[in-house]
Amino acid sequence: MKPTGKPEEGWKKKLQPEQYHILREKGTEMPFTGKLLHNKGDGTYLCAGCGAELFSSEAKFDSGTGWPSFYEPKNRENVELKKDFTQGMVRTEVLCKKCNGHLGHVFGDGPAPTGKRFCINSCALEFKKSK
C-alpha cells in the first residue's frame, strides 16, 4: 500500500492538535486517559488519520498499561513495523502503512495466540461499531 502524500499543513487542518502530535510527531498520550482504553464494543479500530482498518475488537485485551492493547492487527497489510531507537531504548514502532501515522509500539509480552502487545494511542484511532 502506497502512503498518502498529504503535506503537513493538510494534516494540521484535518487532525485535532493531540492527534497531530501523536500521528505526525510520534508523540504519546498520557496513560489511562485515552477515550478508547475501556471501549468494550464490537467493531473495528481505524486510523484516525486516513481511515485504514487496523485492529479488531476481537484482538483487544486489557494489558493494564494504560493504552488500548491488541494481540494482532486486523489487516497486517495496513500496519508497518519499524525499529525505533528513540528515548535511549530499542523498540518496535507501529505505523499506519497508508498514511505513515505513528500509532504506538509493539512488545513481546502479550497474550496467546501471538504473544504480542500492540500498545496503541487512543488518539491515533477511531472506532467503527459492527452492524
Protein backbone atom coordinates (compact mmCIF):
# COMPACT_ATOMS: atom_id res chain seq x y z
CA MET A 1 0.00 0.00 0.00
CA LYS A 2 1.42 3.38 -1.02
CA PRO A 3 1.48 6.01 1.77
CA THR A 4 -0.67 9.10 1.21
CA GLY A 5 1.35 12.14 0.25
CA LYS A 6 -0.62 14.78 2.17
CA PRO A 7 1.52 17.82 3.09
CA GLU A 8 1.95 18.55 6.80
CA GLU A 9 -0.26 21.66 6.60
CA GLY A 10 -3.08 19.40 5.38
CA TRP A 11 -2.60 17.13 8.40
CA LYS A 12 -2.71 20.13 10.75
CA LYS A 13 -6.07 21.15 9.30
CA LYS A 14 -7.53 17.63 9.39
CA LEU A 15 -6.39 16.46 12.83
CA GLN A 16 -7.01 17.71 16.35
CA PRO A 17 -3.80 19.05 17.99
CA GLU A 18 -3.27 15.93 20.15
CA GLN A 19 -3.93 13.65 17.16
CA TYR A 20 -1.42 15.62 15.10
CA HIS A 21 1.18 15.38 17.89
CA ILE A 22 0.78 11.60 18.10
CA LEU A 23 0.25 10.63 14.46
CA ARG A 24 2.63 13.09 12.79
CA GLU A 25 5.18 13.95 15.52
CA LYS A 26 5.35 10.48 17.10
CA GLY A 27 4.02 11.62 20.46
CA THR A 28 2.37 9.55 23.19
CA GLU A 29 -0.82 10.29 25.10
CA MET A 30 -0.80 10.11 28.87
CA PRO A 31 -1.59 6.58 30.14
CA PHE A 32 -5.13 5.86 31.33
CA THR A 33 -6.54 8.97 29.58
CA GLY A 34 -7.45 7.67 26.12
CA LYS A 35 -11.08 7.65 25.00
CA LEU A 36 -10.86 4.07 23.69
CA LEU A 37 -8.96 2.47 26.58
CA HIS A 38 -12.08 0.99 28.17
CA ASN A 39 -14.10 0.56 24.98
CA LYS A 40 -15.73 -2.89 25.00
CA GLY A 41 -17.82 -2.52 21.82
CA ASP A 42 -17.68 -4.92 18.89
CA GLY A 43 -16.14 -3.39 15.82
CA THR A 44 -13.05 -2.19 14.06
CA TYR A 45 -10.40 0.32 15.07
CA LEU A 46 -9.44 2.60 12.19
CA CYS A 47 -6.54 5.00 11.70
CA ALA A 48 -7.68 8.48 12.80
CA GLY A 49 -5.52 9.95 10.05
CA CYS A 50 -6.74 8.08 7.00
CA GLY A 51 -9.43 5.58 7.99
CA ALA A 52 -7.44 2.41 7.24
CA GLU A 53 -8.68 -0.69 9.12
CA LEU A 54 -6.07 -1.55 11.75
CA PHE A 55 -7.39 -3.66 14.65
CA SER A 56 -10.45 -5.73 15.53
CA SER A 57 -12.22 -5.58 18.88
CA GLU A 58 -11.77 -9.37 18.97
CA ALA A 59 -8.00 -8.90 19.41
CA LYS A 60 -8.29 -6.18 22.09
CA PHE A 61 -7.33 -7.04 25.66
CA ASP A 62 -6.75 -5.23 28.96
CA SER A 63 -2.97 -5.07 29.37
CA GLY A 64 -3.11 -2.83 32.44
CA THR A 65 -0.61 -0.46 30.79
CA GLY A 66 -2.98 2.47 30.24
CA TRP A 67 -3.27 2.25 26.45
CA PRO A 68 -5.55 0.19 24.21
CA SER A 69 -3.77 -3.09 23.51
CA PHE A 70 -4.26 -5.70 20.79
CA TYR A 71 -2.57 -9.06 20.23
CA GLU A 72 -2.62 -8.72 16.42
CA PRO A 73 -3.67 -6.32 13.65
CA LYS A 74 -6.90 -6.95 11.78
CA ASN A 75 -5.21 -6.34 8.45
CA ARG A 76 -1.44 -6.79 8.53
CA GLU A 77 -1.13 -5.04 5.15
CA ASN A 78 -2.26 -1.76 6.79
CA VAL A 79 0.36 -1.87 9.56
CA GLU A 80 4.10 -1.29 9.28
CA LEU A 81 6.64 -2.19 11.96
CA LYS A 82 9.85 -0.19 12.21
CA LYS A 83 12.82 -0.20 14.62
CA ASP A 84 12.68 2.78 16.99
CA PHE A 85 15.89 3.89 18.72
CA THR A 86 14.47 6.98 20.46
CA GLN A 87 14.40 7.64 24.20
CA GLY A 88 17.53 5.60 24.82
CA MET A 89 15.95 2.21 24.09
CA VAL A 90 15.25 -0.13 21.20
CA ARG A 91 11.56 -0.69 20.47
CA THR A 92 9.39 -1.56 17.52
CA GLU A 93 7.21 1.29 16.32
CA VAL A 94 3.77 0.61 14.84
CA LEU A 95 2.80 2.82 11.88
CA CYS A 96 -0.22 3.03 9.61
CA LYS A 97 1.14 1.90 6.26
CA LYS A 98 -1.37 4.01 4.32
CA CYS A 99 -0.60 7.46 5.86
CA ASN A 100 2.64 6.73 7.77
CA GLY A 101 0.97 7.85 11.01
CA HIS A 102 2.57 6.83 14.31
CA LEU A 103 0.21 4.54 16.24
CA GLY A 104 2.31 3.24 19.14
CA HIS A 105 4.69 0.33 19.76
CA VAL A 106 4.57 -3.47 19.81
CA PHE A 107 6.09 -5.57 22.59
CA GLY A 108 6.62 -9.30 23.10
CA ASP A 109 4.67 -9.61 26.37
CA GLY A 110 1.13 -10.11 25.08
CA PRO A 111 -1.30 -13.00 25.43
CA ALA A 112 -1.80 -16.07 23.27
CA PRO A 113 -2.13 -16.76 20.45
CA THR A 114 0.58 -14.29 19.30
CA GLY A 115 2.42 -13.25 22.46
CA LYS A 116 2.39 -9.68 21.09
CA ARG A 117 1.07 -6.49 22.70
CA PHE A 118 0.33 -3.75 20.21
CA CYS A 119 0.20 -0.77 22.58
CA ILE A 120 -1.69 1.91 20.63
CA ASN A 121 -2.59 5.53 21.39
CA SER A 122 -6.37 6.14 21.52
CA CYS A 123 -5.91 9.45 19.69
CA ALA A 124 -4.46 7.59 16.72
CA LEU A 125 -7.65 5.52 16.41
CA GLU A 126 -11.32 5.89 15.55
CA PHE A 127 -13.81 3.15 16.43
CA LYS A 128 -16.41 1.82 13.98
CA LYS A 129 -19.10 -0.34 15.60
CA SER A 130 -20.12 -3.61 13.94
CA LYS A 131 -23.59 -3.61 12.45
